[in-house]
Amino acid sequence: MTVAFLLAVGSLTSVGIYLITARSLSRILLGFSLLGHAAVLAILGSGGPAGEPPLANSAAPLEAANPLPQALALTAIVIGFGLTLFLLALARRQQLFTGDDMVEDDLEDQRIGAREALAKS
């Protein structure tokens, strides 16, 4: 992999993680999308140099391209698409209920945490 390719994967990953830590579902959605793109680029980059099409009896085994990274990249694309649709549905439902897409604190989780803190002291 070239340095530019590594920088692209690294920057997509870092910006994606930064966006995931936000409280807005639209930013979380963009963050997961960027992480999916970074994963696809990393998988394709790990496949090695391009070669002949990996068809039976058409190329020598050492000259054929590795088909496994291509299959894994397609799988990552499908999983990313499903996650994107799921997060879009969550954001739409949140927008219908509250009027915005901000993730609020879970009051029940805070109550349980306070009860456990009292039990420890």
Protein backbone atom coordinates (compact mmCIF):
# COMPACT_ATOMS: atom_id res chain seq x y z
CA MET A 1 0.00 0.00 0.00
CA THR A 2 1.19 3.51 -0.70
CA VAL A 3 1.51 6.24 1.88
CA ALA A 4 -1.39 8.17 0.34
CA PHE A 5 -3.58 5.08 0.59
CA LEU A 6 -2.63 4.58 4.24
CA LEU A 7 -3.33 8.24 4.99
CA ALA A 8 -6.75 7.94 3.33
CA VAL A 9 -7.68 4.89 5.43
CA GLY A 10 -6.34 6.53 8.60
CA SER A 11 -8.12 9.81 8.05
CA LEU A 12 -11.43 8.11 7.20
CA THR A 13 -11.12 6.01 10.35
CA SER A 14 -10.23 8.92 12.62
CA VAL A 15 -12.98 11.21 11.31
CA GLY A 16 -15.47 8.31 11.50
CA ILE A 17 -14.63 7.59 15.14
CA TYR A 18 -14.85 11.30 15.96
CA LEU A 19 -18.33 11.51 14.40
CA ILE A 20 -19.54 8.37 16.19
CA THR A 21 -18.87 10.00 19.56
CA ALA A 22 -21.30 12.84 18.76
CA ARG A 23 -24.82 13.00 20.23
CA SER A 24 -26.59 13.61 16.94
CA LEU A 25 -27.80 10.52 15.08
CA SER A 26 -27.07 12.14 11.74
CA ARG A 27 -23.40 12.55 12.71
CA ILE A 28 -23.31 9.00 14.05
CA LEU A 29 -24.72 7.82 10.72
CA LEU A 30 -22.01 9.68 8.80
CA GLY A 31 -19.35 8.30 11.15
CA PHE A 32 -20.38 4.69 10.57
CA SER A 33 -20.52 5.35 6.84
CA LEU A 34 -16.94 6.68 6.86
CA LEU A 35 -15.80 3.71 8.92
CA GLY A 36 -17.39 1.37 6.40
CA HIS A 37 -15.55 3.08 3.55
CA ALA A 38 -12.28 2.88 5.49
CA ALA A 39 -12.83 -0.84 6.07
CA VAL A 40 -13.49 -1.48 2.38
CA LEU A 41 -10.36 0.44 1.37
CA ALA A 42 -8.26 -1.40 3.94
CA ILE A 43 -9.56 -4.79 2.80
CA LEU A 44 -8.94 -4.00 -0.86
CA GLY A 45 -5.50 -2.65 -0.08
CA SER A 46 -4.58 -5.83 1.76
CA GLY A 47 -5.32 -7.86 -1.38
CA GLY A 48 -1.98 -7.09 -2.91
CA PRO A 49 -1.18 -6.04 -6.44
CA ALA A 50 -3.62 -6.45 -9.30
CA GLY A 51 -3.32 -9.59 -11.36
CA GLU A 52 -5.09 -11.62 -13.98
CA PRO A 53 -8.77 -12.49 -13.45
CA PRO A 54 -8.97 -15.53 -11.14
CA LEU A 55 -10.87 -17.74 -13.59
CA ALA A 56 -10.28 -21.48 -13.83
CA ASN A 57 -7.66 -22.52 -16.38
CA SER A 58 -7.17 -18.98 -17.70
CA ALA A 59 -4.22 -17.69 -15.67
CA ALA A 60 -1.31 -19.13 -13.77
CA PRO A 61 -2.00 -19.35 -10.03
CA LEU A 62 0.85 -16.98 -9.17
CA GLU A 63 -0.37 -14.36 -11.65
CA ALA A 64 -4.05 -14.48 -10.62
CA ALA A 65 -5.56 -11.83 -8.37
CA ASN A 66 -6.68 -12.85 -4.91
CA PRO A 67 -10.53 -13.02 -4.95
CA LEU A 68 -10.94 -13.18 -1.16
CA PRO A 69 -10.43 -9.43 -0.44
CA GLN A 70 -12.93 -8.62 -3.18
CA ALA A 71 -15.52 -10.92 -1.60
CA LEU A 72 -14.86 -9.48 1.86
CA ALA A 73 -15.17 -5.93 0.51
CA LEU A 74 -18.55 -6.74 -1.03
CA THR A 75 -19.66 -8.21 2.28
CA ALA A 76 -18.50 -5.08 4.13
CA ILE A 77 -20.42 -2.90 1.67
CA VAL A 78 -23.63 -4.87 2.24
CA ILE A 79 -23.23 -4.76 6.02
CA GLY A 80 -22.53 -1.01 5.89
CA PHE A 81 -25.63 -0.46 3.77
CA GLY A 82 -27.77 -2.39 6.26
CA LEU A 83 -26.34 -0.43 9.19
CA THR A 84 -26.97 2.83 7.35
CA LEU A 85 -30.61 1.94 6.76
CA PHE A 86 -31.04 0.90 10.40
CA LEU A 87 -29.56 4.17 11.66
CA LEU A 88 -31.71 6.16 9.23
CA ALA A 89 -34.79 4.42 10.62
CA LEU A 90 -33.69 5.22 14.18
CA ALA A 91 -33.01 8.85 13.31
CA ARG A 92 -36.40 9.21 11.61
CA ARG A 93 -38.20 7.63 14.57
CA GLN A 94 -36.34 9.88 17.00
CA GLN A 95 -37.19 12.92 14.87
CA LEU A 96 -40.88 11.99 14.85
CA PHE A 97 -41.00 11.57 18.64
CA THR A 98 -38.85 14.47 19.83
CA GLY A 99 -38.50 16.81 16.86
CA ASP A 100 -34.72 16.41 16.60
CA ASP A 101 -32.17 13.62 16.29
CA MET A 102 -30.20 14.20 19.47
CA VAL A 103 -29.51 11.16 21.65
CA GLU A 104 -30.60 11.99 25.18
CA ASP A 105 -29.24 10.47 28.38
CA ASP A 106 -31.02 7.35 29.54
CA LEU A 107 -32.71 8.24 32.83
CA GLU A 108 -33.12 4.62 33.89
CA ASP A 109 -29.40 4.00 33.36
CA GLN A 110 -28.55 7.03 35.50
CA ARG A 111 -30.92 5.82 38.25
CA ILE A 112 -29.32 2.37 38.31
CA GLY A 113 -25.83 3.89 38.37
CA ALA A 114 -26.74 6.12 41.29
CA ARG A 115 -28.22 3.15 43.17
CA GLU A 116 -25.04 1.10 42.62
CA ALA A 117 -22.90 4.03 43.76
CA LEU A 118 -24.92 4.24 46.99
CA ALA A 119 -24.60 0.50 47.55
CA LYS A 120 -20.79 0.66 47.23
CA SER A 121 -20.40 3.47 49.75
